[in-house]
Amino acid sequence: MSEQARDPGEKIERSADQLEEDLGRLEDHLDDAKDQLKDRMEDAQGPGEAEKVAGDWEDEAPDKPLGDDAEGSGSS
């Protein structure tokens, strides 16, 4: 009979251990989800400080191209 008395106790012990492992896994998933949410919120807020300082230089190109003279390449 002592074997039967230990068996339910061992099952409960194993169940408790399994629940603790599951809880640990869920906490890890929750931490990962929070990190992803933080990254998404930062992306949604727009450009960071570095992009603001750099400005929008693409719209400020010079009137004439720099480098090789495309217009004068046909005449020698």
PDB file of N, CA and C in Angstrom:
ATOM      1  N   MET A   1       0.819  -1.200   0.000  1.00  0.00           N
ATOM      2  CA  MET A   1       0.000   0.000   0.000  1.00  0.00           C
ATOM      3  C   MET A   1       0.858   1.258   0.000  1.00  0.00           C
ATOM      4  N   SER A   2       2.012   1.171   0.570  1.00  0.00           N
ATOM      5  CA  SER A   2       2.866   2.353   0.574  1.00  0.00           C
ATOM      6  C   SER A   2       3.276   2.726  -0.848  1.00  0.00           C
ATOM      7  N   GLU A   3       3.347   1.730  -1.731  1.00  0.00           N
ATOM      8  CA  GLU A   3       3.656   2.005  -3.130  1.00  0.00           C
ATOM      9  C   GLU A   3       2.552   2.832  -3.772  1.00  0.00           C
ATOM     10  N   GLN A   4       1.309   2.499  -3.469  1.00  0.00           N
ATOM     11  CA  GLN A   4       0.182   3.246  -4.006  1.00  0.00           C
ATOM     12  C   GLN A   4       0.145   4.657  -3.432  1.00  0.00           C
ATOM     13  N   ALA A   5       0.517   4.815  -2.206  1.00  0.00           N
ATOM     14  CA  ALA A   5       0.523   6.135  -1.578  1.00  0.00           C
ATOM     15  C   ALA A   5       1.597   7.029  -2.195  1.00  0.00           C
ATOM     16  N   ARG A   6       2.748   6.445  -2.558  1.00  0.00           N
ATOM     17  CA  ARG A   6       3.820   7.236  -3.171  1.00  0.00           C
ATOM     18  C   ARG A   6       3.509   7.579  -4.614  1.00  0.00           C
ATOM     19  N   ASP A   7       2.833   6.708  -5.317  1.00  0.00           N
ATOM     20  CA  ASP A   7       2.578   6.914  -6.735  1.00  0.00           C
ATOM     21  C   ASP A   7       1.817   8.208  -7.009  1.00  0.00           C
ATOM     22  N   PRO A   8       0.699   8.494  -6.326  1.00  0.00           N
ATOM     23  CA  PRO A   8       0.031   9.779  -6.571  1.00  0.00           C
ATOM     24  C   PRO A   8       0.919  10.969  -6.199  1.00  0.00           C
ATOM     25  N   GLY A   9       1.694  10.830  -5.147  1.00  0.00           N
ATOM     26  CA  GLY A   9       2.595  11.908  -4.757  1.00  0.00           C
ATOM     27  C   GLY A   9       3.657  12.160  -5.804  1.00  0.00           C
ATOM     28  N   GLU A  10       4.180  11.108  -6.390  1.00  0.00           N
ATOM     29  CA  GLU A  10       5.190  11.255  -7.449  1.00  0.00           C
ATOM     30  C   GLU A  10       4.576  11.892  -8.686  1.00  0.00           C
ATOM     31  N   LYS A  11       3.337  11.512  -8.991  1.00  0.00           N
ATOM     32  CA  LYS A  11       2.656  12.117 -10.139  1.00  0.00           C
ATOM     33  C   LYS A  11       2.466  13.613  -9.913  1.00  0.00           C
ATOM     34  N   ILE A  12       2.090  13.969  -8.705  1.00  0.00           N
ATOM     35  CA  ILE A  12       1.901  15.388  -8.394  1.00  0.00           C
ATOM     36  C   ILE A  12       3.238  16.122  -8.488  1.00  0.00           C
ATOM     37  N   GLU A  13       4.295  15.492  -7.980  1.00  0.00           N
ATOM     38  CA  GLU A  13       5.628  16.102  -8.041  1.00  0.00           C
ATOM     39  C   GLU A  13       6.063  16.319  -9.484  1.00  0.00           C
ATOM     40  N   ARG A  14       5.847  15.315 -10.327  1.00  0.00           N
ATOM     41  CA  ARG A  14       6.202  15.453 -11.748  1.00  0.00           C
ATOM     42  C   ARG A  14       5.356  16.524 -12.424  1.00  0.00           C
ATOM     43  N   SER A  15       4.083  16.569 -12.070  1.00  0.00           N
ATOM     44  CA  SER A  15       3.213  17.597 -12.640  1.00  0.00           C
ATOM     45  C   SER A  15       3.680  18.987 -12.230  1.00  0.00           C
ATOM     46  N   ALA A  16       4.076  19.132 -10.985  1.00  0.00           N
ATOM     47  CA  ALA A  16       4.570  20.429 -10.508  1.00  0.00           C
ATOM     48  C   ALA A  16       5.851  20.816 -11.241  1.00  0.00           C
ATOM     49  N   ASP A  17       6.744  19.861 -11.429  1.00  0.00           N
ATOM     50  CA  ASP A  17       7.993  20.139 -12.164  1.00  0.00           C
ATOM     51  C   ASP A  17       7.686  20.550 -13.603  1.00  0.00           C
ATOM     52  N   GLN A  18       6.750  19.857 -14.226  1.00  0.00           N
ATOM     53  CA  GLN A  18       6.375  20.168 -15.604  1.00  0.00           C
ATOM     54  C   GLN A  18       5.765  21.568 -15.686  1.00  0.00           C
ATOM     55  N   LEU A  19       4.924  21.913 -14.717  1.00  0.00           N
ATOM     56  CA  LEU A  19       4.329  23.254 -14.691  1.00  0.00           C
ATOM     57  C   LEU A  19       5.386  24.331 -14.525  1.00  0.00           C
ATOM     58  N   GLU A  20       6.386  24.080 -13.703  1.00  0.00           N
ATOM     59  CA  GLU A  20       7.467  25.053 -13.524  1.00  0.00           C
ATOM     60  C   GLU A  20       8.254  25.246 -14.814  1.00  0.00           C
ATOM     61  N   GLU A  21       8.516  24.161 -15.524  1.00  0.00           N
ATOM     62  CA  GLU A  21       9.224  24.262 -16.810  1.00  0.00           C
ATOM     63  C   GLU A  21       8.385  25.027 -17.819  1.00  0.00           C
ATOM     64  N   ASP A  22       7.099  24.731 -17.868  1.00  0.00           N
ATOM     65  CA  ASP A  22       6.205  25.437 -18.788  1.00  0.00           C
ATOM     66  C   ASP A  22       6.142  26.928 -18.452  1.00  0.00           C
ATOM     67  N   LEU A  23       6.085  27.231 -17.170  1.00  0.00           N
ATOM     68  CA  LEU A  23       6.054  28.622 -16.743  1.00  0.00           C
ATOM     69  C   LEU A  23       7.332  29.349 -17.168  1.00  0.00           C
ATOM     70  N   GLY A  24       8.466  28.697 -17.023  1.00  0.00           N
ATOM     71  CA  GLY A  24       9.733  29.293 -17.451  1.00  0.00           C
ATOM     72  C   GLY A  24       9.752  29.574 -18.942  1.00  0.00           C
ATOM     73  N   ARG A  25       9.248  28.617 -19.722  1.00  0.00           N
ATOM     74  CA  ARG A  25       9.175  28.811 -21.177  1.00  0.00           C
ATOM     75  C   ARG A  25       8.241  29.961 -21.534  1.00  0.00           C
ATOM     76  N   LEU A  26       7.105  30.033 -20.862  1.00  0.00           N
ATOM     77  CA  LEU A  26       6.158  31.118 -21.134  1.00  0.00           C
ATOM     78  C   LEU A  26       6.745  32.479 -20.766  1.00  0.00           C
ATOM     79  N   GLU A  27       7.489  32.534 -19.669  1.00  0.00           N
ATOM     80  CA  GLU A  27       8.136  33.795 -19.293  1.00  0.00           C
ATOM     81  C   GLU A  27       9.157  34.217 -20.342  1.00  0.00           C
ATOM     82  N   ASP A  28       9.889  33.264 -20.894  1.00  0.00           N
ATOM     83  CA  ASP A  28      10.849  33.572 -21.962  1.00  0.00           C
ATOM     84  C   ASP A  28      10.132  34.104 -23.192  1.00  0.00           C
ATOM     85  N   HIS A  29       9.023  33.469 -23.562  1.00  0.00           N
ATOM     86  CA  HIS A  29       8.245  33.934 -24.717  1.00  0.00           C
ATOM     87  C   HIS A  29       7.694  35.335 -24.466  1.00  0.00           C
ATOM     88  N   LEU A  30       7.254  35.589 -23.253  1.00  0.00           N
ATOM     89  CA  LEU A  30       6.727  36.899 -22.905  1.00  0.00           C
ATOM     90  C   LEU A  30       7.819  37.961 -23.011  1.00  0.00           C
ATOM     91  N   ASP A  31       9.010  37.652 -22.522  1.00  0.00           N
ATOM     92  CA  ASP A  31      10.130  38.595 -22.627  1.00  0.00           C
ATOM     93  C   ASP A  31      10.476  38.877 -24.087  1.00  0.00           C
ATOM     94  N   ASP A  32      10.479  37.829 -24.924  1.00  0.00           N
ATOM     95  CA  ASP A  32      10.752  38.017 -26.352  1.00  0.00           C
ATOM     96  C   ASP A  32       9.689  38.901 -26.998  1.00  0.00           C
ATOM     97  N   ALA A  33       8.432  38.663 -26.645  1.00  0.00           N
ATOM     98  CA  ALA A  33       7.337  39.454 -27.211  1.00  0.00           C
ATOM     99  C   ALA A  33       7.454  40.920 -26.782  1.00  0.00           C
ATOM    100  N   LYS A  34       7.845  41.159 -25.535  1.00  0.00           N
ATOM    101  CA  LYS A  34       8.023  42.532 -25.068  1.00  0.00           C
ATOM    102  C   LYS A  34       9.141  43.220 -25.826  1.00  0.00           C
ATOM    103  N   ASP A  35      10.235  42.506 -26.083  1.00  0.00           N
ATOM    104  CA  ASP A  35      11.347  43.080 -26.848  1.00  0.00           C
ATOM    105  C   ASP A  35      10.915  43.421 -28.271  1.00  0.00           C
ATOM    106  N   GLN A  36      10.155  42.532 -28.887  1.00  0.00           N
ATOM    107  CA  GLN A  36       9.666  42.790 -30.243  1.00  0.00           C
ATOM    108  C   GLN A  36       8.729  43.986 -30.258  1.00  0.00           C
ATOM    109  N   LEU A  37       7.871  44.088 -29.259  1.00  0.00           N
ATOM    110  CA  LEU A  37       6.957  45.223 -29.174  1.00  0.00           C
ATOM    111  C   LEU A  37       7.734  46.525 -29.018  1.00  0.00           C
ATOM    112  N   LYS A  38       8.768  46.508 -28.189  1.00  0.00           N
ATOM    113  CA  LYS A  38       9.594  47.705 -27.999  1.00  0.00           C
ATOM    114  C   LYS A  38      10.230  48.128 -29.316  1.00  0.00           C
ATOM    115  N   ASP A  39      10.770  47.154 -30.071  1.00  0.00           N
ATOM    116  CA  ASP A  39      11.376  47.461 -31.367  1.00  0.00           C
ATOM    117  C   ASP A  39      10.350  48.042 -32.330  1.00  0.00           C
ATOM    118  N   ARG A  40       9.145  47.479 -32.346  1.00  0.00           N
ATOM    119  CA  ARG A  40       8.099  47.975 -33.249  1.00  0.00           C
ATOM    120  C   ARG A  40       7.665  49.380 -32.867  1.00  0.00           C
ATOM    121  N   MET A  41       7.598  49.645 -31.571  1.00  0.00           N
ATOM    122  CA  MET A  41       7.205  50.982 -31.128  1.00  0.00           C
ATOM    123  C   MET A  41       8.260  52.005 -31.532  1.00  0.00           C
ATOM    124  N   GLU A  42       9.533  51.646 -31.417  1.00  0.00           N
ATOM    125  CA  GLU A  42      10.608  52.548 -31.826  1.00  0.00           C
ATOM    126  C   GLU A  42      10.546  52.808 -33.326  1.00  0.00           C
ATOM    127  N   ASP A  43      10.260  51.772 -34.118  1.00  0.00           N
ATOM    128  CA  ASP A  43      10.137  51.945 -35.567  1.00  0.00           C
ATOM    129  C   ASP A  43       8.944  52.835 -35.909  1.00  0.00           C
ATOM    130  N   ALA A  44       7.855  52.697 -35.166  1.00  0.00           N
ATOM    131  CA  ALA A  44       6.643  53.464 -35.442  1.00  0.00           C
ATOM    132  C   ALA A  44       6.802  54.938 -35.092  1.00  0.00           C
ATOM    133  N   GLN A  45       7.739  55.252 -34.200  1.00  0.00           N
ATOM    134  CA  GLN A  45       7.934  56.637 -33.785  1.00  0.00           C
ATOM    135  C   GLN A  45       8.663  57.453 -34.840  1.00  0.00           C
ATOM    136  N   GLY A  46       9.142  56.827 -35.867  1.00  0.00           N
ATOM    137  CA  GLY A  46       9.799  57.559 -36.934  1.00  0.00           C
ATOM    138  C   GLY A  46      11.306  57.507 -36.824  1.00  0.00           C
ATOM    139  N   PRO A  47      11.960  58.375 -37.578  1.00  0.00           N
ATOM    140  CA  PRO A  47      13.429  58.336 -37.624  1.00  0.00           C
ATOM    141  C   PRO A  47      14.037  58.690 -36.280  1.00  0.00           C
ATOM    142  N   GLY A  48      15.162  58.064 -36.036  1.00  0.00           N
ATOM    143  CA  GLY A  48      15.889  58.330 -34.800  1.00  0.00           C
ATOM    144  C   GLY A  48      16.658  59.625 -34.895  1.00  0.00           C
ATOM    145  N   GLU A  49      17.394  59.931 -33.877  1.00  0.00           N
ATOM    146  CA  GLU A  49      18.146  61.188 -33.810  1.00  0.00           C
ATOM    147  C   GLU A  49      19.176  61.293 -34.936  1.00  0.00           C
ATOM    148  N   ALA A  50      19.827  60.185 -35.283  1.00  0.00           N
ATOM    149  CA  ALA A  50      20.845  60.220 -36.338  1.00  0.00           C
ATOM    150  C   ALA A  50      20.233  60.609 -37.682  1.00  0.00           C
ATOM    151  N   GLU A  51      19.049  60.080 -37.990  1.00  0.00           N
ATOM    152  CA  GLU A  51      18.412  60.421 -39.257  1.00  0.00           C
ATOM    153  C   GLU A  51      17.974  61.881 -39.275  1.00  0.00           C
ATOM    154  N   LYS A  52      17.552  62.408 -38.123  1.00  0.00           N
ATOM    155  CA  LYS A  52      17.133  63.808 -38.061  1.00  0.00           C
ATOM    156  C   LYS A  52      18.325  64.735 -38.293  1.00  0.00           C
ATOM    157  N   VAL A  53      19.461  64.399 -37.727  1.00  0.00           N
ATOM    158  CA  VAL A  53      20.652  65.231 -37.866  1.00  0.00           C
ATOM    159  C   VAL A  53      21.154  65.202 -39.304  1.00  0.00           C
ATOM    160  N   ALA A  54      21.099  64.036 -39.945  1.00  0.00           N
ATOM    161  CA  ALA A  54      21.598  63.889 -41.308  1.00  0.00           C
ATOM    162  C   ALA A  54      20.751  64.677 -42.291  1.00  0.00           C
ATOM    163  N   GLY A  55      19.472  64.784 -42.035  1.00  0.00           N
ATOM    164  CA  GLY A  55      18.600  65.543 -42.918  1.00  0.00           C
ATOM    165  C   GLY A  55      18.283  64.788 -44.190  1.00  0.00           C
ATOM    166  N   ASP A  56      17.562  65.462 -45.068  1.00  0.00           N
ATOM    167  CA  ASP A  56      17.153  64.866 -46.335  1.00  0.00           C
ATOM    168  C   ASP A  56      18.017  65.456 -47.441  1.00  0.00           C
ATOM    169  N   TRP A  57      19.208  64.937 -47.586  1.00  0.00           N
ATOM    170  CA  TRP A  57      20.176  65.483 -48.535  1.00  0.00           C
ATOM    171  C   TRP A  57      19.887  65.074 -49.966  1.00  0.00           C
ATOM    172  N   GLU A  58      19.063  64.065 -50.186  1.00  0.00           N
ATOM    173  CA  GLU A  58      18.802  63.590 -51.553  1.00  0.00           C
ATOM    174  C   GLU A  58      18.109  64.646 -52.398  1.00  0.00           C
ATOM    175  N   ASP A  59      17.277  65.476 -51.781  1.00  0.00           N
ATOM    176  CA  ASP A  59      16.572  66.519 -52.527  1.00  0.00           C
ATOM    177  C   ASP A  59      17.446  67.743 -52.791  1.00  0.00           C
ATOM    178  N   GLU A  60      18.649  67.746 -52.283  1.00  0.00           N
ATOM    179  CA  GLU A  60      19.534  68.890 -52.422  1.00  0.00           C
ATOM    180  C   GLU A  60      20.710  68.589 -53.347  1.00  0.00           C
ATOM    181  N   ALA A  61      20.463  67.842 -54.387  1.00  0.00           N
ATOM    182  CA  ALA A  61      21.525  67.509 -55.341  1.00  0.00           C
ATOM    183  C   ALA A  61      21.904  68.757 -56.141  1.00  0.00           C
ATOM    184  N   PRO A  62      23.155  68.863 -56.587  1.00  0.00           N
ATOM    185  CA  PRO A  62      23.575  70.026 -57.383  1.00  0.00           C
ATOM    186  C   PRO A  62      22.884  70.030 -58.748  1.00  0.00           C
ATOM    187  N   ASP A  63      22.802  71.215 -59.343  1.00  0.00           N
ATOM    188  CA  ASP A  63      22.151  71.346 -60.648  1.00  0.00           C
ATOM    189  C   ASP A  63      22.926  70.604 -61.728  1.00  0.00           C
ATOM    190  N   LYS A  64      24.242  70.671 -61.673  1.00  0.00           N
ATOM    191  CA  LYS A  64      25.069  69.987 -62.668  1.00  0.00           C
ATOM    192  C   LYS A  64      25.665  68.741 -62.025  1.00  0.00           C
ATOM    193  N   PRO A  65      25.716  67.642 -62.763  1.00  0.00           N
ATOM    194  CA  PRO A  65      26.305  66.431 -62.190  1.00  0.00           C
ATOM    195  C   PRO A  65      27.790  66.622 -61.899  1.00  0.00           C
ATOM    196  N   LEU A  66      28.253  65.984 -60.873  1.00  0.00           N
ATOM    197  CA  LEU A  66      29.661  66.029 -60.513  1.00  0.00           C
ATOM    198  C   LEU A  66      30.367  64.857 -61.168  1.00  0.00           C
ATOM    199  N   GLY A  67      31.648  64.966 -61.414  1.00  0.00           N
ATOM    200  CA  GLY A  67      32.397  63.862 -61.967  1.00  0.00           C
ATOM    201  C   GLY A  67      32.567  63.993 -63.470  1.00  0.00           C
ATOM    202  N   ASP A  68      32.471  62.885 -64.183  1.00  0.00           N
ATOM    203  CA  ASP A  68      32.650  62.891 -65.636  1.00  0.00           C
ATOM    204  C   ASP A  68      31.617  63.809 -66.304  1.00  0.00           C
ATOM    205  N   ASP A  69      32.073  64.521 -67.328  1.00  0.00           N
ATOM    206  CA  ASP A  69      31.207  65.440 -68.046  1.00  0.00           C
ATOM    207  C   ASP A  69      30.426  64.675 -69.094  1.00  0.00           C
ATOM    208  N   ALA A  70      29.188  64.366 -68.814  1.00  0.00           N
ATOM    209  CA  ALA A  70      28.354  63.606 -69.725  1.00  0.00           C
ATOM    210  C   ALA A  70      28.047  64.384 -71.004  1.00  0.00           C
ATOM    211  N   GLU A  71      27.941  65.716 -70.913  1.00  0.00           N
ATOM    212  CA  GLU A  71      27.596  66.537 -72.070  1.00  0.00           C
ATOM    213  C   GLU A  71      28.781  66.645 -73.027  1.00  0.00           C
ATOM    214  N   GLY A  72      29.982  66.695 -72.534  1.00  0.00           N
ATOM    215  CA  GLY A  72      31.146  66.904 -73.377  1.00  0.00           C
ATOM    216  C   GLY A  72      31.821  65.620 -73.808  1.00  0.00           C
ATOM    217  N   SER A  73      31.245  64.468 -73.519  1.00  0.00           N
ATOM    218  CA  SER A  73      31.901  63.218 -73.830  1.00  0.00           C
ATOM    219  C   SER A  73      31.902  62.912 -75.313  1.00  0.00           C
ATOM    220  N   GLY A  74      31.027  63.511 -76.093  1.00  0.00           N
ATOM    221  CA  GLY A  74      30.970  63.234 -77.528  1.00  0.00           C
ATOM    222  C   GLY A  74      31.993  64.042 -78.318  1.00  0.00           C
ATOM    223  N   SER A  75      32.512  65.120 -77.808  1.00  0.00           N
ATOM    224  CA  SER A  75      33.457  65.957 -78.555  1.00  0.00           C
ATOM    225  C   SER A  75      34.889  65.665 -78.102  1.00  0.00           C
ATOM    226  N   SER A  76      35.782  65.542 -79.067  1.00  0.00           N
ATOM    227  CA  SER A  76      37.184  65.309 -78.750  1.00  0.00           C
ATOM    228  C   SER A  76      38.053  66.330 -79.410  1.00  0.00           C
TER     229      SER A  76
END
